């Protein structure tokens, strides 16, 4: 007896949401960076970490990123062969070495950064004015994951979104069609224009005259 496919929208977990977003980001960065900047998305992130927060140890990189030590070692060897990363003595601990970008690594990162920031601007445009709140939410998610995993706080923070100061319209009825949403938006724009003109005399669409 065959089983029927489940109906309705499946309820997925927040970890699945993050897994999906992670792959979307990785794919998008690989597509634009590899072609234009010569680096993969993973490599660009590694270069960015060393450029902004280095020199630092491989252990600290692991504490920031949750990358496995073997993965970091493989990455470092590959980038050393390119002449983009070097290891320096660590004055604070003679048992470890500091990872840093070489001048050639700095140049490679700068070339790729032009493409990276173009992709960043495209995403920011898609998010619109809600971007600060989205980033603040990601920061909270990041902190929760680090707490669960016992990792160090990430080495930077984003500004917390300002409290909401504008009125928000909510609707609890059945879903609207695209045409109905367009009518609602048009009416809201009309109400705003009347307010700017100094009058609140707007049609009552909820209780129209009989």
Protein backbone atom coordinates (compact mmCIF):
# COMPACT_ATOMS: atom_id res chain seq x y z
CA UNK A 1 0.00 0.00 0.00
CA UNK A 2 1.58 3.23 -1.13
CA UNK A 3 1.80 6.20 1.19
CA UNK A 4 0.41 9.53 0.13
CA UNK A 5 2.65 12.55 0.08
CA UNK A 6 2.09 14.89 3.04
CA UNK A 7 -0.16 17.83 2.32
CA UNK A 8 0.34 21.43 3.36
CA UNK A 9 3.57 23.25 4.12
CA UNK A 10 6.10 21.08 6.00
CA UNK A 11 7.32 22.46 9.31
CA UNK A 12 11.12 22.51 9.26
CA UNK A 13 13.46 23.32 12.14
CA UNK A 14 15.55 26.46 12.58
CA UNK A 15 18.69 24.37 12.05
CA UNK A 16 17.36 23.28 8.67
CA UNK A 17 16.70 26.94 7.84
CA UNK A 18 20.33 27.73 8.63
CA UNK A 19 21.61 24.73 6.68
CA UNK A 20 19.67 25.87 3.63
CA UNK A 21 20.83 29.49 3.93
CA UNK A 22 24.42 28.32 4.40
CA UNK A 23 24.34 26.45 1.10
CA UNK A 24 22.67 29.37 -0.68
CA UNK A 25 25.36 31.75 0.54
CA UNK A 26 28.20 29.35 -0.31
CA UNK A 27 26.86 28.77 -3.81
CA UNK A 28 26.29 32.46 -4.48
CA UNK A 29 29.77 33.46 -3.28
CA UNK A 30 31.50 30.66 -5.16
CA UNK A 31 29.73 31.63 -8.37
CA UNK A 32 30.77 35.28 -8.30
CA UNK A 33 34.13 35.12 -6.53
CA UNK A 34 35.67 32.19 -8.37
CA UNK A 35 34.89 33.68 -11.76
CA UNK A 36 35.79 37.29 -11.01
CA UNK A 37 38.18 37.20 -8.05
CA UNK A 38 39.87 33.81 -8.32
CA UNK A 39 38.92 32.75 -4.78
CA UNK A 40 36.21 30.44 -3.50
CA UNK A 41 33.73 31.76 -0.96
CA UNK A 42 35.44 29.70 1.76
CA UNK A 43 38.84 31.09 0.84
CA UNK A 44 37.58 34.67 0.72
CA UNK A 45 36.14 34.28 4.22
CA UNK A 46 39.47 32.92 5.48
CA UNK A 47 41.40 35.78 3.87
CA UNK A 48 38.93 38.30 5.33
CA UNK A 49 39.32 36.85 8.82
CA UNK A 50 43.12 37.09 8.67
CA UNK A 51 43.06 40.55 7.12
CA UNK A 52 40.66 42.03 9.64
CA UNK A 53 41.58 40.13 12.81
CA UNK A 54 45.02 38.66 12.13
CA UNK A 55 47.71 37.79 12.71
CA UNK A 56 46.11 35.06 14.80
CA UNK A 57 46.61 31.41 15.62
CA UNK A 58 44.98 28.44 13.94
CA UNK A 59 43.44 27.57 17.30
CA UNK A 60 41.75 30.97 17.49
CA UNK A 61 40.46 30.61 13.94
CA UNK A 62 38.89 27.30 14.99
CA UNK A 63 37.33 28.95 18.06
CA UNK A 64 35.80 31.67 15.89
CA UNK A 65 34.62 29.54 12.98
CA UNK A 66 34.14 25.98 14.33
CA UNK A 67 36.37 24.76 11.48
CA UNK A 68 38.13 21.48 12.23
CA UNK A 69 41.89 21.77 12.88
CA UNK A 70 42.62 19.43 9.96
CA UNK A 71 40.55 21.66 7.67
CA UNK A 72 42.47 24.74 8.79
CA UNK A 73 45.82 22.98 8.32
CA UNK A 74 44.87 21.93 4.78
CA UNK A 75 43.69 25.46 3.99
CA UNK A 76 46.87 27.03 5.35
CA UNK A 77 49.14 24.69 3.38
CA UNK A 78 47.28 25.45 0.15
CA UNK A 79 47.40 29.20 0.70
CA UNK A 80 51.07 29.06 1.66
CA UNK A 81 51.80 27.34 -1.63
CA UNK A 82 50.13 30.27 -3.38
CA UNK A 83 52.28 32.68 -1.41
CA UNK A 84 49.19 34.27 0.15
CA UNK A 85 49.56 33.16 3.80
CA UNK A 86 52.59 32.95 6.06
CA UNK A 87 53.25 31.67 9.57
CA UNK A 88 55.10 33.87 12.04
CA UNK A 89 56.49 33.25 15.54
CA UNK A 90 53.98 33.94 18.30
CA UNK A 91 55.58 36.21 20.93
CA UNK A 92 52.89 35.25 23.45
CA UNK A 93 53.30 31.48 23.04
CA UNK A 94 56.36 29.83 21.55
CA UNK A 95 54.42 26.60 21.00
CA UNK A 96 52.10 28.15 18.40
CA UNK A 97 52.45 30.17 15.22
CA UNK A 98 50.58 33.20 13.97
CA UNK A 99 48.80 33.12 10.61
CA UNK A 100 48.90 36.27 8.49
CA UNK A 101 48.31 37.35 4.91
CA UNK A 102 51.33 38.16 2.79
CA UNK A 103 51.34 41.25 0.55
CA UNK A 104 50.30 38.97 -2.34
CA UNK A 105 47.46 37.63 -0.19
CA UNK A 106 46.36 41.19 0.59
CA UNK A 107 46.26 41.97 -3.13
CA UNK A 108 44.27 38.82 -3.93
CA UNK A 109 41.78 39.68 -1.20
CA UNK A 110 41.42 43.26 -2.44
CA UNK A 111 40.65 42.06 -5.99
CA UNK A 112 38.02 39.61 -4.77
CA UNK A 113 36.54 42.19 -2.38
CA UNK A 114 35.31 44.31 -5.29
CA UNK A 115 33.12 41.43 -6.47
CA UNK A 116 32.13 40.53 -2.92
CA UNK A 117 30.86 44.02 -2.12
CA UNK A 118 28.91 44.15 -5.37
CA UNK A 119 27.11 40.98 -4.27
CA UNK A 120 26.62 42.49 -0.81
CA UNK A 121 24.99 45.58 -2.28
CA UNK A 122 22.64 43.44 -4.37
CA UNK A 123 21.51 41.53 -1.29
CA UNK A 124 21.13 44.73 0.74
CA UNK A 125 18.92 46.16 -1.99
CA UNK A 126 16.75 43.03 -1.89
CA UNK A 127 16.41 43.28 1.91
CA UNK A 128 15.61 46.98 1.77
CA UNK A 129 15.25 49.01 4.97
CA UNK A 130 14.79 45.81 6.99
CA UNK A 131 18.48 44.88 6.63
CA UNK A 132 19.58 46.19 10.08
CA UNK A 133 16.92 44.12 11.85
CA UNK A 134 17.82 41.06 9.79
CA UNK A 135 21.47 41.39 10.72
CA UNK A 136 20.61 41.88 14.38
CA UNK A 137 18.54 38.68 14.26
CA UNK A 138 21.46 36.82 12.65
CA UNK A 139 23.73 38.13 15.40
CA UNK A 140 21.42 36.70 18.05
CA UNK A 141 21.33 33.37 16.21
CA UNK A 142 25.13 33.43 15.97
CA UNK A 143 25.44 34.02 19.72
CA UNK A 144 23.03 31.18 20.51
CA UNK A 145 24.93 28.73 18.30
CA UNK A 146 28.22 29.72 19.92
CA UNK A 147 26.76 29.24 23.38
CA UNK A 148 25.47 25.78 22.48
CA UNK A 149 28.78 24.83 20.84
CA UNK A 150 30.98 26.31 23.56
CA UNK A 151 32.76 28.59 21.08
CA UNK A 152 34.30 32.02 21.53
CA UNK A 153 32.17 35.07 20.71
CA UNK A 154 32.68 36.21 17.16
CA UNK A 155 35.31 38.93 16.87
CA UNK A 156 32.91 41.68 15.81
CA UNK A 157 29.35 42.83 16.36
CA UNK A 158 26.81 44.71 14.28
CA UNK A 159 24.84 47.67 15.53
CA UNK A 160 21.55 46.69 17.08
CA UNK A 161 18.57 47.86 15.07
CA UNK A 162 16.87 50.94 16.43
CA UNK A 163 13.50 50.42 18.12
CA UNK A 164 10.54 50.53 15.78
CA UNK A 165 9.26 54.10 15.65
CA UNK A 166 6.75 53.82 12.83
CA UNK A 167 3.28 52.35 12.95
CA UNK A 168 2.90 48.84 11.57
CA UNK A 169 -0.23 47.56 9.90
CA UNK A 170 -1.27 44.01 10.77
CA UNK A 171 -3.93 41.85 9.19
CA UNK A 172 -5.30 38.62 10.65
CA UNK A 173 -7.82 37.59 7.98
CA UNK A 174 -7.51 35.12 5.12
CA UNK A 175 -4.61 35.59 2.68
CA UNK A 176 -5.01 38.38 0.16
CA UNK A 177 -4.50 38.01 -3.55
CA UNK A 178 -1.81 40.05 -5.27
CA UNK A 179 -4.48 42.37 -6.65
CA UNK A 180 -6.01 42.85 -3.19
CA UNK A 181 -2.58 43.62 -1.69
CA UNK A 182 -2.03 46.20 -4.41
CA UNK A 183 -5.36 47.87 -3.54
CA UNK A 184 -4.43 47.97 0.16
CA UNK A 185 -1.02 49.49 -0.57
CA UNK A 186 -2.59 52.06 -2.87
CA UNK A 187 -5.06 53.06 -0.15
CA UNK A 188 -2.27 53.36 2.45
CA UNK A 189 -0.35 55.63 0.07
CA UNK A 190 -3.51 57.69 -0.39
CA UNK A 191 -3.97 58.06 3.39
CA UNK A 192 -0.36 59.18 3.76
CA UNK A 193 -0.72 61.75 1.00
CA UNK A 194 -3.83 63.19 2.68
CA UNK A 195 -1.95 63.47 5.96
CA UNK A 196 0.89 65.32 4.25
CA UNK A 197 -1.69 67.74 2.84
CA UNK A 198 -2.82 68.51 6.39
CA UNK A 199 -6.19 66.76 6.35
CA UNK A 200 -7.42 63.55 7.91
CA UNK A 201 -10.64 63.50 5.91
CA UNK A 202 -10.19 60.13 4.20
CA UNK A 203 -12.85 57.69 3.01
CA UNK A 204 -13.96 55.07 5.52
CA UNK A 205 -13.65 51.82 3.62
CA UNK A 206 -14.53 49.71 6.66
CA UNK A 207 -17.88 51.39 7.28
CA UNK A 208 -18.78 53.08 3.97
CA UNK A 209 -21.95 55.19 3.84
CA UNK A 210 -25.09 53.29 2.92
